[in-house]
C-alpha cells in the first residue's frame, strides 16, 4: 500500500528525451571485473544479440588504445562493462569524440552507474541503452588532465588505499589507526590548499575532490551525488584527524565541503591518490577542474 507508493514516488526518474539508436555500437568489457560479472551474465553474447561489436579487455591491454582503434574504424557509440577506472577511460574518449556512451554496471561497486540512474542490479538490461534508451548530458572531472568519473582522495585515505588491509576501511577505522596508517614517522604529507575565503591552509589529513558534490556520510566516499550535471567539483576536507574523531563521536560530519569549478592542491613531494578507487601517485601541483556537460550518456 503506502510503502509501495512511497517507493514508487522515490524511484521515479526524469524522463529522458528519446534518441536515434546508433548503428555501430561497441562494448568493451573486462571479463575479470566485479568478480567475473561479464562472464557470469554472458555479456559478449547479449551485446552481440543487440547489434553491438564486443571487445574483450585482455590482461595488460591498453584500453584507451583499443577504444581509439574502434572509433577510427567507425564506432558510433561506446559502452564499457567494468570498474569505474575503466569507465573514465571510455567516457573521456566518448566525450572528446562527442559519441554517446553507456555505463554497464559490471564492476564491483558501480558508483558511477548508481549516480547516473542506471539499475545496478540489471547488468544485461543496461545494454538496452543503445537499443531503446534516452540521453542526458553529464559532467566529467579531471586532475592534471586525467579524467575521473567519481572522485580523487588525497591524504590519509589515499595513503591507506595503497595498502591492501585498509582498502575497504572507512574513515572511522582510519581515524582510530592514524599512526599505523601513516607508518612509523606518523607524518601525513603536507597538502596545501585554499578555502573559498581565499585563506591558505596546510593539512595532510584527507581531501576528497569529486565530479559534482556528494551528500557526505560519515564514511569517506559514502553517500551519493544528487546531481552529476551541476558543472562543479565537490571539495570535501577533513582538516584535523583529532577534532574529526571528536566530531564523529558526537555524530557530526567531520567534513567541511563546498563546490567550485577549479581547485588546486600543492605539496613538496609526490602525492598518493585514490583515483576512482584505484591507487596512484600524482605530481604536484594537483590542478582539478570540471568539464561541464561533455558526456552524452545513454540510459536504458
Protein backbone atom coordinates (compact mmCIF):
# COMPACT_ATOMS: atom_id res chain seq x y z
CA UNK A 1 0.00 0.00 0.00
CA UNK A 2 1.52 3.26 1.19
CA UNK A 3 5.02 1.72 1.34
CA UNK A 4 4.78 0.64 -2.31
CA UNK A 5 3.50 4.08 -3.30
CA UNK A 6 6.32 5.80 -1.41
CA UNK A 7 8.84 3.53 -3.06
CA UNK A 8 7.43 4.28 -6.48
CA UNK A 9 7.48 8.01 -5.77
CA UNK A 10 11.17 7.87 -4.89
CA UNK A 11 12.14 5.67 -7.82
CA UNK A 12 10.52 7.85 -10.50
CA UNK A 13 13.21 9.32 -12.71
CA UNK A 14 13.00 12.31 -15.01
CA UNK A 15 12.01 11.01 -18.46
CA UNK A 16 14.95 11.27 -20.87
CA UNK A 17 14.46 12.57 -24.40
CA UNK A 18 14.27 9.75 -26.97
CA UNK A 19 17.19 9.47 -29.37
CA UNK A 20 18.10 7.56 -32.52
CA UNK A 21 19.82 4.23 -31.86
CA UNK A 22 23.44 4.07 -33.04
CA UNK A 23 24.34 1.84 -35.99
CA UNK A 24 27.77 0.64 -34.89
CA UNK A 25 27.90 0.48 -31.08
CA UNK A 26 30.90 -1.19 -29.44
CA UNK A 27 31.01 -2.76 -25.97
CA UNK A 28 34.35 -3.02 -24.17
CA UNK A 29 34.29 -5.50 -21.32
CA UNK A 30 36.69 -6.63 -18.62
CA UNK A 31 35.90 -10.32 -18.01
CA UNK A 32 37.53 -10.23 -14.54
CA UNK A 33 35.81 -7.09 -13.26
CA UNK A 34 33.30 -7.32 -10.40
CA UNK A 35 34.28 -10.93 -9.68
CA UNK A 36 33.64 -12.01 -13.29
CA UNK A 37 30.20 -10.43 -13.93
CA UNK A 38 30.77 -10.18 -17.71
CA UNK A 39 31.26 -13.96 -17.93
CA UNK A 40 28.51 -14.73 -15.44
CA UNK A 41 25.92 -12.80 -17.49
CA UNK A 42 27.47 -13.77 -20.87
CA UNK A 43 27.64 -10.07 -21.73
CA UNK A 44 29.51 -10.51 -25.02
CA UNK A 45 26.73 -12.72 -26.47
CA UNK A 46 23.99 -10.46 -25.04
CA UNK A 47 25.68 -7.42 -26.60
CA UNK A 48 26.12 -9.07 -29.98
CA UNK A 49 22.44 -10.11 -29.96
CA UNK A 50 21.64 -6.38 -29.65
CA UNK A 51 23.86 -5.40 -32.58
CA UNK A 52 27.00 -4.43 -30.67
CA UNK A 53 30.53 -5.39 -31.50
CA UNK A 54 32.04 -6.81 -28.27
CA UNK A 55 35.74 -6.22 -27.48
CA UNK A 56 37.31 -8.11 -24.57
CA UNK A 57 39.91 -6.33 -22.47
CA UNK A 58 42.76 -8.86 -22.13
CA UNK A 59 45.17 -8.66 -19.20
CA UNK A 60 47.73 -5.91 -19.79
CA UNK A 61 45.83 -4.42 -22.76
CA UNK A 62 45.74 -0.65 -23.25
CA UNK A 63 42.04 0.22 -23.05
CA UNK A 64 42.42 3.75 -24.45
CA UNK A 65 44.25 2.37 -27.47
CA UNK A 66 41.58 -0.30 -28.06
CA UNK A 67 38.85 2.36 -27.94
CA UNK A 68 40.68 4.68 -30.35
CA UNK A 69 41.10 1.82 -32.85
CA UNK A 70 37.33 1.09 -32.77
CA UNK A 71 36.40 4.77 -33.09
CA UNK A 72 38.76 5.18 -36.06
CA UNK A 73 37.11 2.09 -37.63
CA UNK A 74 33.68 3.75 -37.43
CA UNK A 75 32.20 3.00 -33.97
CA UNK A 76 29.38 5.49 -33.36
CA UNK A 77 28.65 4.65 -29.68
CA UNK A 78 30.81 3.32 -26.83
CA UNK A 79 29.82 1.19 -23.83
CA UNK A 80 32.04 -0.07 -21.01
CA UNK A 81 31.38 -3.04 -18.73
CA UNK A 82 33.92 -2.83 -15.92
CA UNK A 83 35.05 -0.81 -12.93
CA UNK A 84 34.86 2.96 -12.61
CA UNK A 85 38.53 3.44 -13.56
CA UNK A 86 37.75 1.81 -16.93
CA UNK A 87 34.51 3.80 -17.24
CA UNK A 88 36.58 7.01 -17.01
CA UNK A 89 38.86 5.96 -19.89
CA UNK A 90 35.95 5.19 -22.24
CA UNK A 91 33.87 8.18 -21.08
CA UNK A 92 36.76 10.56 -21.81
CA UNK A 93 37.14 9.35 -25.41
CA UNK A 94 33.36 9.35 -25.94
CA UNK A 95 33.18 12.94 -24.69
CA UNK A 96 36.07 14.10 -26.88
CA UNK A 97 34.56 12.48 -30.00
CA UNK A 98 31.01 13.57 -29.00
CA UNK A 99 29.83 9.96 -29.15
CA UNK A 100 27.07 8.52 -26.96
CA UNK A 101 28.32 6.46 -24.02
CA UNK A 102 26.68 3.76 -21.89
CA UNK A 103 27.82 2.64 -18.43
CA UNK A 104 27.30 -1.12 -17.96
CA UNK A 105 27.45 -1.91 -14.21
CA UNK A 106 29.81 -4.91 -14.28
CA UNK A 107 32.31 -3.55 -11.75
CA UNK A 108 32.44 -4.20 -8.01
CA UNK A 109 30.69 -1.08 -6.67
CA UNK A 110 29.48 0.74 -9.78
CA UNK A 111 29.21 4.14 -8.08
CA UNK A 112 29.09 6.00 -11.39
CA UNK A 113 26.21 3.81 -12.64
CA UNK A 114 24.30 4.45 -9.41
CA UNK A 115 24.59 8.22 -9.65
CA UNK A 116 23.74 8.21 -13.37
CA UNK A 117 20.50 6.39 -12.59
CA UNK A 118 21.47 3.03 -14.14
CA UNK A 119 19.92 -0.02 -12.44
CA UNK A 120 22.99 -1.70 -10.91
CA UNK A 121 21.11 -4.97 -10.43
CA UNK A 122 20.31 -5.33 -14.15
CA UNK A 123 23.67 -5.68 -15.88
CA UNK A 124 22.25 -7.14 -19.11
CA UNK A 125 19.33 -4.69 -19.22
CA UNK A 126 21.81 -1.79 -19.23
CA UNK A 127 22.84 -2.88 -22.74
CA UNK A 128 19.44 -1.65 -23.98
CA UNK A 129 20.81 1.89 -23.61
CA UNK A 130 21.77 1.77 -27.30
CA UNK A 131 18.66 -0.12 -28.39
CA UNK A 132 15.90 1.80 -26.67
CA UNK A 133 17.49 4.45 -24.48
CA UNK A 134 17.22 8.13 -23.63
CA UNK A 135 20.10 10.59 -23.44
CA UNK A 136 21.33 13.06 -20.86
CA UNK A 137 24.41 15.28 -20.66
CA UNK A 138 26.62 14.92 -17.58
CA UNK A 139 29.93 16.31 -16.33
CA UNK A 140 33.37 14.76 -16.12
CA UNK A 141 36.19 15.96 -13.86
CA UNK A 142 39.94 15.96 -14.32
CA UNK A 143 43.13 16.19 -12.28
CA UNK A 144 46.28 17.25 -14.16
CA UNK A 145 44.49 16.34 -17.40
CA UNK A 146 43.43 12.85 -16.28
CA UNK A 147 39.67 12.28 -16.29
CA UNK A 148 37.79 10.74 -13.36
CA UNK A 149 34.09 9.96 -13.07
CA UNK A 150 33.67 9.76 -9.27
CA UNK A 151 36.37 11.16 -7.01
CA UNK A 152 40.02 11.57 -6.10
CA UNK A 153 41.03 11.07 -2.47
CA UNK A 154 44.25 12.51 -1.03
CA UNK A 155 45.95 12.37 2.36
CA UNK A 156 45.38 9.67 4.96
CA UNK A 157 42.70 7.89 2.99
CA UNK A 158 44.76 7.77 -0.20
CA UNK A 159 47.80 6.53 1.76
CA UNK A 160 45.54 3.85 3.18
CA UNK A 161 44.13 2.87 -0.22
CA UNK A 162 47.71 1.99 -1.22
CA UNK A 163 47.67 -0.70 1.50
CA UNK A 164 45.52 -3.76 0.91
CA UNK A 165 44.42 -4.17 4.52
CA UNK A 166 42.84 -0.68 4.50
CA UNK A 167 41.34 -0.74 1.03
CA UNK A 168 37.82 -1.26 2.39
CA UNK A 169 38.36 0.82 5.52
CA UNK A 170 36.02 3.61 6.41
CA UNK A 171 37.16 6.95 7.80
CA UNK A 172 36.28 5.94 11.39
CA UNK A 173 38.69 3.00 11.22
CA UNK A 174 41.31 5.22 9.67
CA UNK A 175 40.95 7.87 12.36
CA UNK A 176 41.38 5.21 15.02
CA UNK A 177 44.55 3.98 13.35
CA UNK A 178 46.15 7.19 12.11
CA UNK A 179 49.66 6.41 13.45
CA UNK A 180 49.52 2.93 11.90
CA UNK A 181 48.25 4.15 8.55
CA UNK A 182 50.92 6.82 8.30
CA UNK A 183 53.75 4.48 9.28
CA UNK A 184 56.44 4.86 11.95
CA UNK A 185 57.13 8.54 11.25
CA UNK A 186 53.43 9.33 11.76
CA UNK A 187 53.58 12.21 9.28
CA UNK A 188 50.88 12.89 6.73
CA UNK A 189 52.12 14.52 3.54
CA UNK A 190 51.66 18.28 3.82
CA UNK A 191 48.95 19.29 1.38
CA UNK A 192 48.37 22.98 0.68
CA UNK A 193 45.03 24.33 -0.46
CA UNK A 194 42.88 27.45 -0.38
CA UNK A 195 39.46 27.70 1.23
CA UNK A 196 36.65 29.63 -0.53
CA UNK A 197 37.54 32.74 1.53
CA UNK A 198 41.00 32.72 -0.11
CA UNK A 199 42.83 31.67 3.07
CA UNK A 200 45.78 29.29 2.59
CA UNK A 201 45.72 26.03 4.59
CA UNK A 202 48.10 23.15 5.18
CA UNK A 203 46.77 19.75 6.08
CA UNK A 204 47.56 16.14 5.34
CA UNK A 205 44.51 14.50 6.84
CA UNK A 206 42.14 13.91 3.93
CA UNK A 207 40.87 15.72 0.87
CA UNK A 208 38.15 14.36 -1.40
CA UNK A 209 37.59 16.08 -4.76
CA UNK A 210 34.60 14.75 -6.68
CA UNK A 211 32.86 15.07 -10.03
CA UNK A 212 29.90 17.03 -8.52
CA UNK A 213 29.16 17.21 -4.82
CA UNK A 214 28.35 14.22 -2.61
CA UNK A 215 25.84 14.01 0.18
CA UNK A 216 28.62 13.08 2.58
CA UNK A 217 28.03 10.35 5.12
CA UNK A 218 30.43 9.61 7.94
CA UNK A 219 32.45 7.27 5.70
CA UNK A 220 34.82 8.53 3.03
CA UNK A 221 33.27 8.26 -0.41
CA UNK A 222 29.98 7.09 1.05
CA UNK A 223 26.77 8.79 0.08
CA UNK A 224 25.65 9.61 -3.43
CA UNK A 225 25.58 12.65 -5.67
CA UNK A 226 22.15 14.26 -6.03
CA UNK A 227 23.38 15.71 -9.36
CA UNK A 228 26.06 14.91 -11.87
CA UNK A 229 25.35 17.82 -14.21
CA UNK A 230 25.80 20.79 -11.89
CA UNK A 231 29.02 21.95 -13.58
CA UNK A 232 31.02 21.95 -10.35
CA UNK A 233 33.55 19.89 -8.42
CA UNK A 234 32.68 18.82 -4.89
CA UNK A 235 35.53 19.57 -2.46
CA UNK A 236 35.50 18.00 1.00
CA UNK A 237 38.25 18.49 3.57
CA UNK A 238 38.91 16.55 6.74
CA UNK A 239 41.34 19.05 8.22
CA UNK A 240 42.39 17.57 11.53
CA UNK A 241 42.07 13.88 12.47
CA UNK A 242 41.86 14.55 16.22
CA UNK A 243 38.97 17.04 16.07
CA UNK A 244 37.37 14.92 13.31
CA UNK A 245 37.41 11.95 15.67
CA UNK A 246 35.71 14.04 18.36
CA UNK A 247 33.07 15.25 15.92
CA UNK A 248 32.36 11.71 14.76
CA UNK A 249 31.77 10.63 18.34
CA UNK A 250 29.19 13.44 18.58
CA UNK A 251 27.61 12.13 15.34
CA UNK A 252 28.57 15.25 13.41
CA UNK A 253 30.02 15.10 9.93
CA UNK A 254 33.78 15.60 10.20
CA UNK A 255 33.92 17.24 6.75
CA UNK A 256 33.81 20.84 5.59
CA UNK A 257 32.72 20.94 1.99
CA UNK A 258 31.91 23.32 -0.85
CA UNK A 259 31.62 23.42 -4.67
CA UNK A 260 33.87 25.10 -7.24
CA UNK A 261 34.80 24.81 -10.90
CA UNK A 262 38.55 24.62 -10.11
CA UNK A 263 40.66 23.53 -7.14
CA UNK A 264 44.41 23.24 -6.61
CA UNK A 265 46.44 21.23 -4.10
CA UNK A 266 50.14 21.87 -3.57
CA UNK A 267 52.78 19.68 -1.94
CA UNK A 268 56.58 19.43 -1.78
CA UNK A 269 56.51 15.75 -2.75
CA UNK A 270 54.59 13.32 -4.97
CA UNK A 271 51.06 12.85 -3.66
CA UNK A 272 49.44 9.44 -3.09
CA UNK A 273 45.95 9.46 -4.57
CA UNK A 274 42.98 7.13 -4.89
CA UNK A 275 41.52 7.92 -8.34
CA UNK A 276 38.06 6.35 -8.76
CA UNK A 277 39.19 3.82 -6.13
CA UNK A 278 42.50 2.92 -7.80
CA UNK A 279 45.82 3.72 -6.10
CA UNK A 280 48.16 6.09 -7.93
CA UNK A 281 50.61 8.94 -7.31
CA UNK A 282 50.32 12.46 -8.74
CA UNK A 283 52.95 15.15 -9.36
CA UNK A 284 52.09 18.47 -7.66
CA UNK A 285 50.60 20.95 -8.14
CA UNK A 286 47.34 18.97 -8.49
CA UNK A 287 45.03 21.00 -10.71
CA UNK A 288 41.41 19.88 -10.61
CA UNK A 289 38.71 21.16 -12.90
CA UNK A 290 35.23 20.23 -14.04
CA UNK A 291 34.34 19.55 -17.69
CA UNK A 292 30.67 20.58 -17.69
CA UNK A 293 28.09 18.75 -19.84
CA UNK A 294 30.66 16.98 -22.02
CA UNK A 295 29.38 13.38 -21.81
CA UNK A 296 26.34 12.14 -23.75
CA UNK A 297 25.09 9.31 -21.54
CA UNK A 298 22.53 6.84 -22.88
CA UNK A 299 20.42 5.05 -20.29
CA UNK A 300 18.09 2.11 -20.95
